[in-house]
Amino acid sequence: MVDEAQAYWITQPGHGEIRPLTLPEPGVDDVLVRTLRSAISRGTETLVHDGRVPPSQHAVMRAPFQEGDLPGPVKYGYLSVGVVERGPADLVGRTVFCLHPHQTAYVVPATSVVPVPDGVPAERAVLAGTVETALNALWDAPPLLGDRVTVVGAGLVGCCVARLAAGVPGVRVTLVDVDPGRAEVAAALGVGFAGPADDVGHSDLVVHASATEAGLRRALELVAPEGTVLDLSWYGDRPVSLPLGEAFHSSRLTLRSSQVGAVAPARRDSRTHRDRLALALELLRDPGFDALLTGCSPFRELPAVLARIAAGSMPGLCHAIDYSDRPIHEEA
C-alpha cells in the first residue's frame, strides 16, 4: 500500500518548503496517480508565492485540490501529469493530466483526471492548463477568417494564444514583447514578432497577456476602430490606469476580460470544463508547442526555483518540475 508522498507548500508569503504527507487509501471511484511532471504557472503562482492575491479574491482563486487558505500556509498549483497506478481498469497505466498542486503522488476522484492522448509526451502535456486558457480566450473573442491578430505579451499564455490563432485560415498573428529574444520563439510558433514601439498597424483583435499596465495601454493603441481588446492578464493587488478619454469612445472600442474559471459563454451550453480540457490536450498533439518548454528542475529544488521565478531571476516560459528522483514510498 502506498502510504507516503511529498508536497510543496507555501508556508508564508515569499517562502515555500516540501512537506511529507500520508496518502489516503483510494476508494472504488478514486485513482492513485504517481506524478511525472508538473509545471509552474508563472503569473498566478508567483502572485500566490508573494502573498499578492487580494483578500476579496481568496475564494475565487482557490485551486481544485488546494489545501490551506491564502495567503498561507497553502498547497497551490494546477498543472500536473502522472501515471495512474491504482484505479479503474481502463485508467491503470494511463498517463493523465490533473489540476493538482505540486506533489509526488496523490489520490483524487477518477473523474478529476483526463487521459493524455497517445502521441502527446508528458513533458508537453503539462501545458494543457495554459492551452485551455488560450482556447477559452479564443472562444470569448474568436478571430474571423483573414483577421489581423496581435498578442501583446509573449509569455506562456500569449504564446499559446498566438499558436492557436495562427491555425485559423488567413489569420495573420503578431506577437509583441519587450524582450527581443522572444522573436525566436515567435518564429518557432509560425507568427510574426514586434517590439512594443514598432509600427505593426491596427488589428481586428488584440489579445493582452503581458500583465502590465503599459502592455494594456499599448493594446488599446493597436486595435482597429470598432475592434476588441481581450485582456487575459490578472494584476493581483496592482491598480491599472487606462487612457479611456482618448480614442476609446470615438473608435467604439471593446475592452473585455477572459478567465479560464468559467467556460466561455459561447460554448457554455455545449462544453463542460472536462470537454475543454480534453480538447486542449488534443491540441497538444502539435509539436510546435515544444518551443515553449524552456526549463526543468527536480522536485527537490522547487522551493528555490519558485522563489527565483518570483524574483525575476529565472526567465523563460514553461518551467517544469521533474519527479523521477522522488518515487513514492511503498510498504508491503
C-alpha atoms as a PDB file:
ATOM      1  CA  MET A   1       0.000   0.000   0.000  1.00  0.00           C
ATOM      2  CA  VAL A   2       1.227   3.470  -0.851  1.00  0.00           C
ATOM      3  CA  ASP A   3       1.396   5.401   2.391  1.00  0.00           C
ATOM      4  CA  GLU A   4       3.617   8.433   1.906  1.00  0.00           C
ATOM      5  CA  ALA A   5       4.214  11.260  -0.552  1.00  0.00           C
ATOM      6  CA  GLN A   6       5.712  14.741  -0.563  1.00  0.00           C
ATOM      7  CA  ALA A   7       4.073  18.048  -1.435  1.00  0.00           C
ATOM      8  CA  TYR A   8       5.155  21.638  -1.928  1.00  0.00           C
ATOM      9  CA  TRP A   9       3.615  24.191   0.442  1.00  0.00           C
ATOM     10  CA  ILE A  10       3.847  27.979   0.514  1.00  0.00           C
ATOM     11  CA  THR A  11       4.281  28.425   4.244  1.00  0.00           C
ATOM     12  CA  GLN A  12       4.144  32.222   4.222  1.00  0.00           C
ATOM     13  CA  PRO A  13       4.475  34.943   1.568  1.00  0.00           C
ATOM     14  CA  GLY A  14       7.856  34.584  -0.085  1.00  0.00           C
ATOM     15  CA  HIS A  15       8.728  31.191   1.377  1.00  0.00           C
ATOM     16  CA  GLY A  16       7.924  27.586   0.471  1.00  0.00           C
ATOM     17  CA  GLU A  17       9.005  24.124   1.541  1.00  0.00           C
ATOM     18  CA  ILE A  18       8.467  20.454   0.778  1.00  0.00           C
ATOM     19  CA  ARG A  19       6.477  18.539   3.372  1.00  0.00           C
ATOM     20  CA  PRO A  20       5.720  14.825   3.780  1.00  0.00           C
ATOM     21  CA  LEU A  21       2.133  13.614   3.893  1.00  0.00           C
ATOM     22  CA  THR A  22       0.231  10.379   4.288  1.00  0.00           C
ATOM     23  CA  LEU A  23      -1.940   9.435   1.338  1.00  0.00           C
ATOM     24  CA  PRO A  24      -5.469   8.147   1.912  1.00  0.00           C
ATOM     25  CA  GLU A  25      -6.463   4.696   0.723  1.00  0.00           C
ATOM     26  CA  PRO A  26      -8.071   5.091  -2.728  1.00  0.00           C
ATOM     27  CA  GLY A  27     -11.823   4.445  -2.809  1.00  0.00           C
ATOM     28  CA  VAL A  28     -13.554   2.453  -5.507  1.00  0.00           C
ATOM     29  CA  ASP A  29     -14.093   5.612  -7.579  1.00  0.00           C
ATOM     30  CA  ASP A  30     -10.620   7.052  -6.985  1.00  0.00           C
ATOM     31  CA  VAL A  31      -7.260   6.887  -8.721  1.00  0.00           C
ATOM     32  CA  LEU A  32      -3.766   6.903  -7.269  1.00  0.00           C
ATOM     33  CA  VAL A  33      -1.516   8.966  -9.524  1.00  0.00           C
ATOM     34  CA  ARG A  34       2.289   8.900  -9.460  1.00  0.00           C
ATOM     35  CA  THR A  35       3.479  12.275 -10.741  1.00  0.00           C
ATOM     36  CA  LEU A  36       5.809  12.502 -13.721  1.00  0.00           C
ATOM     37  CA  ARG A  37       5.886  16.245 -14.345  1.00  0.00           C
ATOM     38  CA  SER A  38       4.237  19.405 -13.105  1.00  0.00           C
ATOM     39  CA  ALA A  39       4.630  22.956 -14.328  1.00  0.00           C
ATOM     40  CA  ILE A  40       4.750  26.351 -12.659  1.00  0.00           C
ATOM     41  CA  SER A  41       2.169  28.932 -13.675  1.00  0.00           C
ATOM     42  CA  ARG A  42       4.468  31.954 -13.649  1.00  0.00           C
ATOM     43  CA  GLY A  43       1.717  34.543 -13.357  1.00  0.00           C
ATOM     44  CA  THR A  44      -0.686  33.104 -10.805  1.00  0.00           C
ATOM     45  CA  GLU A  45       1.761  31.064  -8.746  1.00  0.00           C
ATOM     46  CA  THR A  46       4.190  33.942  -8.294  1.00  0.00           C
ATOM     47  CA  LEU A  47       1.331  36.139  -7.058  1.00  0.00           C
ATOM     48  CA  VAL A  48       0.367  33.392  -4.614  1.00  0.00           C
ATOM     49  CA  HIS A  49       4.011  32.873  -3.626  1.00  0.00           C
ATOM     50  CA  ASP A  50       4.439  36.572  -2.848  1.00  0.00           C
ATOM     51  CA  GLY A  51       1.121  36.886  -0.989  1.00  0.00           C
ATOM     52  CA  ARG A  52      -0.238  39.368  -3.537  1.00  0.00           C
ATOM     53  CA  VAL A  53      -3.718  37.912  -4.009  1.00  0.00           C
ATOM     54  CA  PRO A  54      -6.253  40.441  -2.672  1.00  0.00           C
ATOM     55  CA  PRO A  55      -8.360  39.084   0.219  1.00  0.00           C
ATOM     56  CA  SER A  56     -11.500  39.630  -1.869  1.00  0.00           C
ATOM     57  CA  GLN A  57     -10.172  37.061  -4.369  1.00  0.00           C
ATOM     58  CA  HIS A  58      -9.002  34.350  -1.966  1.00  0.00           C
ATOM     59  CA  ALA A  59     -12.086  32.202  -2.515  1.00  0.00           C
ATOM     60  CA  VAL A  60     -12.218  32.877  -6.271  1.00  0.00           C
ATOM     61  CA  MET A  61      -8.560  31.911  -6.696  1.00  0.00           C
ATOM     62  CA  ARG A  62      -8.913  28.613  -4.851  1.00  0.00           C
ATOM     63  CA  ALA A  63      -7.336  25.774  -6.877  1.00  0.00           C
ATOM     64  CA  PRO A  64      -9.277  22.499  -7.330  1.00  0.00           C
ATOM     65  CA  PHE A  65      -7.166  20.443  -4.885  1.00  0.00           C
ATOM     66  CA  GLN A  66      -5.746  23.270  -2.822  1.00  0.00           C
ATOM     67  CA  GLU A  67      -5.139  22.639   0.858  1.00  0.00           C
ATOM     68  CA  GLY A  68      -4.924  25.503   3.322  1.00  0.00           C
ATOM     69  CA  ASP A  69      -6.001  29.055   2.649  1.00  0.00           C
ATOM     70  CA  LEU A  70      -4.416  32.084   1.049  1.00  0.00           C
ATOM     71  CA  PRO A  71      -2.107  33.756   1.844  1.00  0.00           C
ATOM     72  CA  GLY A  72      -0.740  30.616   3.565  1.00  0.00           C
ATOM     73  CA  PRO A  73       0.198  28.065   4.570  1.00  0.00           C
ATOM     74  CA  VAL A  74      -1.259  26.772   1.336  1.00  0.00           C
ATOM     75  CA  LYS A  75      -0.638  23.942  -1.121  1.00  0.00           C
ATOM     76  CA  TYR A  76      -1.208  25.509  -4.535  1.00  0.00           C
ATOM     77  CA  GLY A  77      -0.788  24.586  -8.201  1.00  0.00           C
ATOM     78  CA  TYR A  78      -2.772  23.052 -11.048  1.00  0.00           C
ATOM     79  CA  LEU A  79      -0.555  21.683 -13.828  1.00  0.00           C
ATOM     80  CA  SER A  80       0.242  18.041 -13.075  1.00  0.00           C
ATOM     81  CA  VAL A  81       0.847  14.997 -15.273  1.00  0.00           C
ATOM     82  CA  GLY A  82       1.268  11.486 -13.913  1.00  0.00           C
ATOM     83  CA  VAL A  83       0.589   7.789 -14.333  1.00  0.00           C
ATOM     84  CA  VAL A  84      -2.400   6.053 -12.757  1.00  0.00           C
ATOM     85  CA  GLU A  85      -1.098   3.251 -10.512  1.00  0.00           C
ATOM     86  CA  ARG A  86      -4.420   2.213  -8.954  1.00  0.00           C
ATOM     87  CA  GLY A  87      -7.985   2.800 -10.018  1.00  0.00           C
ATOM     88  CA  PRO A  88     -10.479   1.715 -12.686  1.00  0.00           C
ATOM     89  CA  ALA A  89      -9.048  -0.837 -15.116  1.00  0.00           C
ATOM     90  CA  ASP A  90      -9.399   1.485 -18.112  1.00  0.00           C
ATOM     91  CA  LEU A  91      -7.166   4.086 -16.405  1.00  0.00           C
ATOM     92  CA  VAL A  92      -4.453   1.979 -14.751  1.00  0.00           C
ATOM     93  CA  GLY A  93      -1.204   2.575 -16.587  1.00  0.00           C
ATOM     94  CA  ARG A  94      -2.544   5.616 -18.442  1.00  0.00           C
ATOM     95  CA  THR A  95      -0.794   8.970 -18.425  1.00  0.00           C
ATOM     96  CA  VAL A  96      -3.252  11.603 -17.194  1.00  0.00           C
ATOM     97  CA  PHE A  97      -3.487  15.328 -16.578  1.00  0.00           C
ATOM     98  CA  CYS A  98      -4.890  16.685 -13.323  1.00  0.00           C
ATOM     99  CA  LEU A  99      -5.418  20.162 -11.866  1.00  0.00           C
ATOM    100  CA  HIS A 100      -3.396  19.215  -8.791  1.00  0.00           C
ATOM    101  CA  PRO A 101      -0.693  21.041  -6.803  1.00  0.00           C
ATOM    102  CA  HIS A 102       2.963  20.009  -6.916  1.00  0.00           C
ATOM    103  CA  GLN A 103       3.084  16.607  -5.184  1.00  0.00           C
ATOM    104  CA  THR A 104       4.896  13.314  -5.795  1.00  0.00           C
ATOM    105  CA  ALA A 105       1.677  11.261  -5.700  1.00  0.00           C
ATOM    106  CA  TYR A 106      -1.981  11.893  -4.949  1.00  0.00           C
ATOM    107  CA  VAL A 107      -5.382  10.271  -4.647  1.00  0.00           C
ATOM    108  CA  VAL A 108      -8.272  12.014  -6.426  1.00  0.00           C
ATOM    109  CA  PRO A 109     -11.638  11.017  -7.898  1.00  0.00           C
ATOM    110  CA  ALA A 110     -11.217   9.265 -11.235  1.00  0.00           C
ATOM    111  CA  THR A 111     -13.405  11.936 -12.829  1.00  0.00           C
ATOM    112  CA  SER A 112     -10.777  14.549 -11.946  1.00  0.00           C
ATOM    113  CA  VAL A 113      -8.140  13.190 -14.323  1.00  0.00           C
ATOM    114  CA  VAL A 114      -8.173  13.421 -18.109  1.00  0.00           C
ATOM    115  CA  PRO A 115      -6.191  10.882 -20.162  1.00  0.00           C
ATOM    116  CA  VAL A 116      -3.344  12.319 -22.189  1.00  0.00           C
ATOM    117  CA  PRO A 117      -3.752  11.343 -25.868  1.00  0.00           C
ATOM    118  CA  ASP A 118      -1.270   8.954 -27.429  1.00  0.00           C
ATOM    119  CA  GLY A 119       1.476  10.935 -29.098  1.00  0.00           C
ATOM    120  CA  VAL A 120       1.476  13.737 -26.512  1.00  0.00           C
ATOM    121  CA  PRO A 121       4.525  13.330 -24.253  1.00  0.00           C
ATOM    122  CA  ALA A 122       4.198  14.109 -20.552  1.00  0.00           C
ATOM    123  CA  GLU A 123       6.706  16.925 -20.987  1.00  0.00           C
ATOM    124  CA  ARG A 124       4.318  18.718 -23.365  1.00  0.00           C
ATOM    125  CA  ALA A 125       1.118  17.688 -21.600  1.00  0.00           C
ATOM    126  CA  VAL A 126       1.895  19.994 -18.651  1.00  0.00           C
ATOM    127  CA  LEU A 127       0.896  22.826 -20.998  1.00  0.00           C
ATOM    128  CA  ALA A 128      -2.713  21.612 -21.021  1.00  0.00           C
ATOM    129  CA  GLY A 129      -3.955  24.107 -18.443  1.00  0.00           C
ATOM    130  CA  THR A 130      -2.381  27.023 -20.319  1.00  0.00           C
ATOM    131  CA  VAL A 131      -3.626  25.862 -23.713  1.00  0.00           C
ATOM    132  CA  GLU A 132      -7.056  25.528 -22.094  1.00  0.00           C
ATOM    133  CA  THR A 133      -6.813  29.198 -21.028  1.00  0.00           C
ATOM    134  CA  ALA A 134      -5.887  30.199 -24.575  1.00  0.00           C
ATOM    135  CA  LEU A 135      -8.681  28.067 -26.028  1.00  0.00           C
ATOM    136  CA  ASN A 136     -11.238  29.685 -23.724  1.00  0.00           C
ATOM    137  CA  ALA A 137      -9.948  33.128 -24.711  1.00  0.00           C
ATOM    138  CA  LEU A 138     -10.470  32.404 -28.393  1.00  0.00           C
ATOM    139  CA  TRP A 139     -13.964  31.151 -27.619  1.00  0.00           C
ATOM    140  CA  ASP A 140     -14.555  34.507 -25.905  1.00  0.00           C
ATOM    141  CA  ALA A 141     -13.261  36.511 -28.891  1.00  0.00           C
ATOM    142  CA  PRO A 142     -12.839  34.236 -31.925  1.00  0.00           C
ATOM    143  CA  PRO A 143     -10.855  35.686 -34.844  1.00  0.00           C
ATOM    144  CA  LEU A 144     -12.587  35.586 -38.212  1.00  0.00           C
ATOM    145  CA  LEU A 145     -11.053  34.288 -41.425  1.00  0.00           C
ATOM    146  CA  GLY A 146      -8.452  36.748 -42.665  1.00  0.00           C
ATOM    147  CA  ASP A 147      -8.313  38.790 -39.449  1.00  0.00           C
ATOM    148  CA  ARG A 148      -5.239  40.545 -38.186  1.00  0.00           C
ATOM    149  CA  VAL A 149      -4.490  39.478 -34.610  1.00  0.00           C
ATOM    150  CA  THR A 150      -1.905  40.984 -32.292  1.00  0.00           C
ATOM    151  CA  VAL A 151      -0.931  39.380 -28.998  1.00  0.00           C
ATOM    152  CA  VAL A 152       0.751  41.765 -26.558  1.00  0.00           C
ATOM    153  CA  GLY A 153       2.920  39.811 -24.143  1.00  0.00           C
ATOM    154  CA  ALA A 154       4.901  36.797 -25.342  1.00  0.00           C
ATOM    155  CA  GLY A 155       4.680  34.900 -22.087  1.00  0.00           C
ATOM    156  CA  LEU A 156       3.320  31.389 -21.891  1.00  0.00           C
ATOM    157  CA  VAL A 157      -0.366  32.343 -22.214  1.00  0.00           C
ATOM    158  CA  GLY A 158       0.281  34.832 -25.003  1.00  0.00           C
ATOM    159  CA  CYS A 159       2.356  32.329 -26.953  1.00  0.00           C
ATOM    160  CA  CYS A 160      -0.341  29.663 -26.646  1.00  0.00           C
ATOM    161  CA  VAL A 161      -2.957  32.121 -27.918  1.00  0.00           C
ATOM    162  CA  ALA A 162      -0.713  33.051 -30.820  1.00  0.00           C
ATOM    163  CA  ARG A 163      -0.154  29.427 -31.844  1.00  0.00           C
ATOM    164  CA  LEU A 164      -3.863  28.600 -31.753  1.00  0.00           C
ATOM    165  CA  ALA A 165      -4.918  31.787 -33.565  1.00  0.00           C
ATOM    166  CA  ALA A 166      -2.328  31.159 -36.280  1.00  0.00           C
ATOM    167  CA  GLY A 167      -4.166  27.939 -37.109  1.00  0.00           C
ATOM    168  CA  VAL A 168      -7.235  29.857 -38.324  1.00  0.00           C
ATOM    169  CA  PRO A 169      -7.042  30.152 -42.154  1.00  0.00           C
ATOM    170  CA  GLY A 170      -5.955  33.557 -43.350  1.00  0.00           C
ATOM    171  CA  VAL A 171      -5.281  34.940 -39.878  1.00  0.00           C
ATOM    172  CA  ARG A 172      -2.060  36.908 -39.508  1.00  0.00           C
ATOM    173  CA  VAL A 173      -0.669  36.910 -35.980  1.00  0.00           C
ATOM    174  CA  THR A 174       1.975  39.168 -34.473  1.00  0.00           C
ATOM    175  CA  LEU A 175       3.474  38.721 -31.009  1.00  0.00           C
ATOM    176  CA  VAL A 176       4.566  41.932 -29.286  1.00  0.00           C
ATOM    177  CA  ASP A 177       7.016  41.829 -26.390  1.00  0.00           C
ATOM    178  CA  VAL A 178       9.672  43.952 -24.715  1.00  0.00           C
ATOM    179  CA  ASP A 179      12.165  41.067 -24.910  1.00  0.00           C
ATOM    180  CA  PRO A 180      13.691  40.873 -28.410  1.00  0.00           C
ATOM    181  CA  GLY A 181      14.746  37.316 -27.603  1.00  0.00           C
ATOM    182  CA  ARG A 182      11.110  36.263 -27.936  1.00  0.00           C
ATOM    183  CA  ALA A 183      11.411  36.780 -31.704  1.00  0.00           C
ATOM    184  CA  GLU A 184      12.975  33.319 -31.900  1.00  0.00           C
ATOM    185  CA  VAL A 185      10.015  31.802 -30.058  1.00  0.00           C
ATOM    186  CA  ALA A 186       7.586  33.643 -32.342  1.00  0.00           C
ATOM    187  CA  ALA A 187       9.350  32.227 -35.392  1.00  0.00           C
ATOM    188  CA  ALA A 188       9.089  28.706 -33.958  1.00  0.00           C
ATOM    189  CA  LEU A 189       5.363  29.275 -33.434  1.00  0.00           C
ATOM    190  CA  GLY A 190       4.921  30.465 -37.015  1.00  0.00           C
ATOM    191  CA  VAL A 191       3.897  34.040 -36.159  1.00  0.00           C
ATOM    192  CA  GLY A 192       5.380  37.490 -36.573  1.00  0.00           C
ATOM    193  CA  PHE A 193       7.182  39.460 -33.889  1.00  0.00           C
ATOM    194  CA  ALA A 194       7.480  43.141 -32.989  1.00  0.00           C
ATOM    195  CA  GLY A 195       8.794  45.278 -30.174  1.00  0.00           C
ATOM    196  CA  PRO A 196       6.396  47.493 -28.205  1.00  0.00           C
ATOM    197  CA  ALA A 197       7.411  50.643 -30.134  1.00  0.00           C
ATOM    198  CA  ASP A 198       7.292  49.055 -33.602  1.00  0.00           C
ATOM    199  CA  ASP A 199       4.624  50.126 -36.080  1.00  0.00           C
ATOM    200  CA  VAL A 200       2.576  46.989 -36.709  1.00  0.00           C
ATOM    201  CA  GLY A 201      -0.587  48.702 -37.883  1.00  0.00           C
ATOM    202  CA  HIS A 202      -4.013  48.087 -36.401  1.00  0.00           C
ATOM    203  CA  SER A 203      -5.542  44.705 -35.716  1.00  0.00           C
ATOM    204  CA  ASP A 204      -9.105  43.445 -35.623  1.00  0.00           C
ATOM    205  CA  LEU A 205      -8.397  41.628 -32.371  1.00  0.00           C
ATOM    206  CA  VAL A 206      -5.696  42.425 -29.819  1.00  0.00           C
ATOM    207  CA  VAL A 207      -5.120  39.951 -27.006  1.00  0.00           C
ATOM    208  CA  HIS A 208      -3.322  41.356 -23.986  1.00  0.00           C
ATOM    209  CA  ALA A 209      -1.269  38.952 -21.867  1.00  0.00           C
ATOM    210  CA  SER A 210       1.674  40.964 -20.519  1.00  0.00           C
ATOM    211  CA  ALA A 211       0.199  41.543 -17.025  1.00  0.00           C
ATOM    212  CA  THR A 212       1.415  45.154 -17.175  1.00  0.00           C
ATOM    213  CA  GLU A 213      -0.358  48.493 -17.401  1.00  0.00           C
ATOM    214  CA  ALA A 214       1.959  49.543 -20.232  1.00  0.00           C
ATOM    215  CA  GLY A 215       1.050  46.432 -22.191  1.00  0.00           C
ATOM    216  CA  LEU A 216      -2.676  47.028 -21.856  1.00  0.00           C
ATOM    217  CA  ARG A 217      -2.250  50.660 -22.897  1.00  0.00           C
ATOM    218  CA  ARG A 218      -0.327  49.524 -25.979  1.00  0.00           C
ATOM    219  CA  ALA A 219      -3.046  47.000 -26.766  1.00  0.00           C
ATOM    220  CA  LEU A 220      -5.615  49.817 -26.875  1.00  0.00           C
ATOM    221  CA  GLU A 221      -3.358  51.706 -29.297  1.00  0.00           C
ATOM    222  CA  LEU A 222      -3.011  48.715 -31.621  1.00  0.00           C
ATOM    223  CA  VAL A 223      -6.655  47.769 -32.060  1.00  0.00           C
ATOM    224  CA  ALA A 224      -8.542  48.927 -35.146  1.00  0.00           C
ATOM    225  CA  PRO A 225     -11.683  51.086 -34.846  1.00  0.00           C
ATOM    226  CA  GLU A 226     -14.582  49.019 -33.504  1.00  0.00           C
ATOM    227  CA  GLY A 227     -12.127  46.237 -32.694  1.00  0.00           C
ATOM    228  CA  THR A 228     -11.744  44.244 -29.480  1.00  0.00           C
ATOM    229  CA  VAL A 229      -9.035  44.141 -26.850  1.00  0.00           C
ATOM    230  CA  LEU A 230      -9.260  40.907 -24.873  1.00  0.00           C
ATOM    231  CA  ASP A 231      -7.414  41.108 -21.567  1.00  0.00           C
ATOM    232  CA  LEU A 232      -6.101  37.794 -20.220  1.00  0.00           C
ATOM    233  CA  SER A 233      -3.855  39.334 -17.586  1.00  0.00           C
ATOM    234  CA  TRP A 234      -4.598  39.258 -13.890  1.00  0.00           C
ATOM    235  CA  TYR A 235      -2.976  42.021 -11.891  1.00  0.00           C
ATOM    236  CA  GLY A 236      -3.436  40.789  -8.350  1.00  0.00           C
ATOM    237  CA  ASP A 237      -3.420  43.772  -5.995  1.00  0.00           C
ATOM    238  CA  ARG A 238      -1.969  46.249  -8.536  1.00  0.00           C
ATOM    239  CA  PRO A 239      -4.182  49.127  -9.769  1.00  0.00           C
ATOM    240  CA  VAL A 240      -4.238  49.768 -13.527  1.00  0.00           C
ATOM    241  CA  SER A 241      -4.839  53.163 -15.153  1.00  0.00           C
ATOM    242  CA  LEU A 242      -6.021  53.412 -18.772  1.00  0.00           C
ATOM    243  CA  PRO A 243      -6.418  56.339 -21.236  1.00  0.00           C
ATOM    244  CA  LEU A 244     -10.126  55.856 -21.814  1.00  0.00           C
ATOM    245  CA  GLY A 245     -10.505  59.568 -22.528  1.00  0.00           C
ATOM    246  CA  GLU A 246      -8.524  59.385 -25.782  1.00  0.00           C
ATOM    247  CA  ALA A 247      -9.703  57.382 -28.812  1.00  0.00           C
ATOM    248  CA  PHE A 248     -11.510  54.723 -26.778  1.00  0.00           C
ATOM    249  CA  HIS A 249     -15.016  56.136 -27.305  1.00  0.00           C
ATOM    250  CA  SER A 250     -14.606  57.724 -30.734  1.00  0.00           C
ATOM    251  CA  SER A 251     -13.228  54.450 -32.106  1.00  0.00           C
ATOM    252  CA  ARG A 252     -16.014  52.462 -30.408  1.00  0.00           C
ATOM    253  CA  LEU A 253     -13.515  50.009 -28.940  1.00  0.00           C
ATOM    254  CA  THR A 254     -14.438  46.965 -26.880  1.00  0.00           C
ATOM    255  CA  LEU A 255     -12.349  46.014 -23.840  1.00  0.00           C
ATOM    256  CA  ARG A 256     -13.319  42.708 -22.288  1.00  0.00           C
ATOM    257  CA  SER A 257     -11.804  40.153 -19.967  1.00  0.00           C
ATOM    258  CA  SER A 258     -11.410  36.410 -20.258  1.00  0.00           C
ATOM    259  CA  GLN A 259     -10.712  33.983 -17.436  1.00  0.00           C
ATOM    260  CA  VAL A 260     -10.456  30.208 -17.506  1.00  0.00           C
ATOM    261  CA  GLY A 261     -12.507  29.627 -14.348  1.00  0.00           C
ATOM    262  CA  ALA A 262     -15.734  29.557 -16.383  1.00  0.00           C
ATOM    263  CA  VAL A 263     -16.323  28.112 -19.846  1.00  0.00           C
ATOM    264  CA  ALA A 264     -16.785  30.972 -22.331  1.00  0.00           C
ATOM    265  CA  PRO A 265     -20.462  31.884 -22.780  1.00  0.00           C
ATOM    266  CA  ALA A 266     -20.334  30.962 -26.474  1.00  0.00           C
ATOM    267  CA  ARG A 267     -19.673  27.310 -25.560  1.00  0.00           C
ATOM    268  CA  ARG A 268     -21.065  27.060 -22.034  1.00  0.00           C
ATOM    269  CA  ASP A 269     -24.232  25.237 -23.106  1.00  0.00           C
ATOM    270  CA  SER A 270     -22.375  22.664 -25.198  1.00  0.00           C
ATOM    271  CA  ARG A 271     -19.000  22.128 -23.476  1.00  0.00           C
ATOM    272  CA  THR A 272     -18.062  21.218 -19.918  1.00  0.00           C
ATOM    273  CA  HIS A 273     -14.792  22.072 -18.181  1.00  0.00           C
ATOM    274  CA  ARG A 274     -13.714  18.481 -18.832  1.00  0.00           C
ATOM    275  CA  ASP A 275     -14.571  18.757 -22.541  1.00  0.00           C
ATOM    276  CA  ARG A 276     -12.498  21.915 -22.795  1.00  0.00           C
ATOM    277  CA  LEU A 277      -9.509  20.350 -21.048  1.00  0.00           C
ATOM    278  CA  ALA A 278      -9.743  17.228 -23.222  1.00  0.00           C
ATOM    279  CA  LEU A 279      -9.709  19.428 -26.335  1.00  0.00           C
ATOM    280  CA  ALA A 280      -6.678  21.317 -25.024  1.00  0.00           C
ATOM    281  CA  LEU A 281      -4.839  18.003 -24.648  1.00  0.00           C
ATOM    282  CA  GLU A 282      -5.797  17.035 -28.207  1.00  0.00           C
ATOM    283  CA  LEU A 283      -4.435  20.350 -29.469  1.00  0.00           C
ATOM    284  CA  LEU A 284      -1.132  19.474 -27.802  1.00  0.00           C
ATOM    285  CA  ARG A 285      -0.512  16.849 -30.465  1.00  0.00           C
ATOM    286  CA  ASP A 286       1.056  19.855 -32.202  1.00  0.00           C
ATOM    287  CA  PRO A 287       4.845  19.646 -31.628  1.00  0.00           C
ATOM    288  CA  GLY A 288       5.081  23.385 -32.229  1.00  0.00           C
ATOM    289  CA  PHE A 289       4.237  23.884 -28.561  1.00  0.00           C
ATOM    290  CA  ASP A 290       7.610  22.362 -27.627  1.00  0.00           C
ATOM    291  CA  ALA A 291       9.128  25.791 -28.275  1.00  0.00           C
ATOM    292  CA  LEU A 292       7.502  26.891 -25.003  1.00  0.00           C
ATOM    293  CA  LEU A 293       9.277  24.293 -22.853  1.00  0.00           C
ATOM    294  CA  THR A 294      12.246  26.294 -21.642  1.00  0.00           C
ATOM    295  CA  GLY A 295      13.414  24.682 -18.405  1.00  0.00           C
ATOM    296  CA  CYS A 296      13.085  21.784 -15.994  1.00  0.00           C
ATOM    297  CA  SER A 297      14.236  21.210 -12.411  1.00  0.00           C
ATOM    298  CA  PRO A 298      13.966  18.278  -9.996  1.00  0.00           C
ATOM    299  CA  PHE A 299      11.167  18.368  -7.429  1.00  0.00           C
ATOM    300  CA  ARG A 300      13.598  18.791  -4.521  1.00  0.00           C
ATOM    301  CA  GLU A 301      14.618  22.190  -5.947  1.00  0.00           C
ATOM    302  CA  LEU A 302      11.061  23.538  -6.306  1.00  0.00           C
ATOM    303  CA  PRO A 303      11.194  25.918  -3.293  1.00  0.00           C
ATOM    304  CA  ALA A 304      14.307  27.636  -4.625  1.00  0.00           C
ATOM    305  CA  VAL A 305      13.069  27.573  -8.225  1.00  0.00           C
ATOM    306  CA  LEU A 306       9.744  29.226  -7.448  1.00  0.00           C
ATOM    307  CA  ALA A 307      11.487  31.864  -5.336  1.00  0.00           C
ATOM    308  CA  ARG A 308      13.817  32.657  -8.250  1.00  0.00           C
ATOM    309  CA  ILE A 309      10.938  32.839 -10.723  1.00  0.00           C
ATOM    310  CA  ALA A 310       9.013  35.152  -8.390  1.00  0.00           C
ATOM    311  CA  ALA A 311      12.105  37.349  -8.039  1.00  0.00           C
ATOM    312  CA  GLY A 312      12.535  37.517 -11.823  1.00  0.00           C
ATOM    313  CA  SER A 313      15.977  35.885 -11.808  1.00  0.00           C
ATOM    314  CA  MET A 314      14.890  32.765 -13.728  1.00  0.00           C
ATOM    315  CA  PRO A 315      13.420  33.891 -17.063  1.00  0.00           C
ATOM    316  CA  GLY A 316      11.727  31.602 -19.524  1.00  0.00           C
ATOM    317  CA  LEU A 317       8.291  30.358 -20.496  1.00  0.00           C
ATOM    318  CA  CYS A 318       7.173  26.977 -19.159  1.00  0.00           C
ATOM    319  CA  HIS A 319       9.381  25.759 -16.320  1.00  0.00           C
ATOM    320  CA  ALA A 320       8.615  22.145 -15.458  1.00  0.00           C
ATOM    321  CA  ILE A 321       9.280  20.087 -12.357  1.00  0.00           C
ATOM    322  CA  ASP A 322      10.551  16.532 -12.781  1.00  0.00           C
ATOM    323  CA  TYR A 323       9.661  13.823 -10.250  1.00  0.00           C
ATOM    324  CA  SER A 324      11.887  10.986 -11.439  1.00  0.00           C
ATOM    325  CA  ASP A 325      14.178  11.393  -8.424  1.00  0.00           C
ATOM    326  CA  ARG A 326      11.258  11.299  -5.960  1.00  0.00           C
ATOM    327  CA  PRO A 327       9.488   7.939  -6.240  1.00  0.00           C
ATOM    328  CA  ILE A 328       6.546   7.373  -3.920  1.00  0.00           C
ATOM    329  CA  HIS A 329       7.232   5.148  -0.937  1.00  0.00           C
ATOM    330  CA  GLU A 330       5.583   1.767  -0.734  1.00  0.00           C
ATOM    331  CA  GLU A 331       5.059  -0.563   2.157  1.00  0.00           C
ATOM    332  CA  ALA A 332       4.010  -4.167   1.866  1.00  0.00           C
END
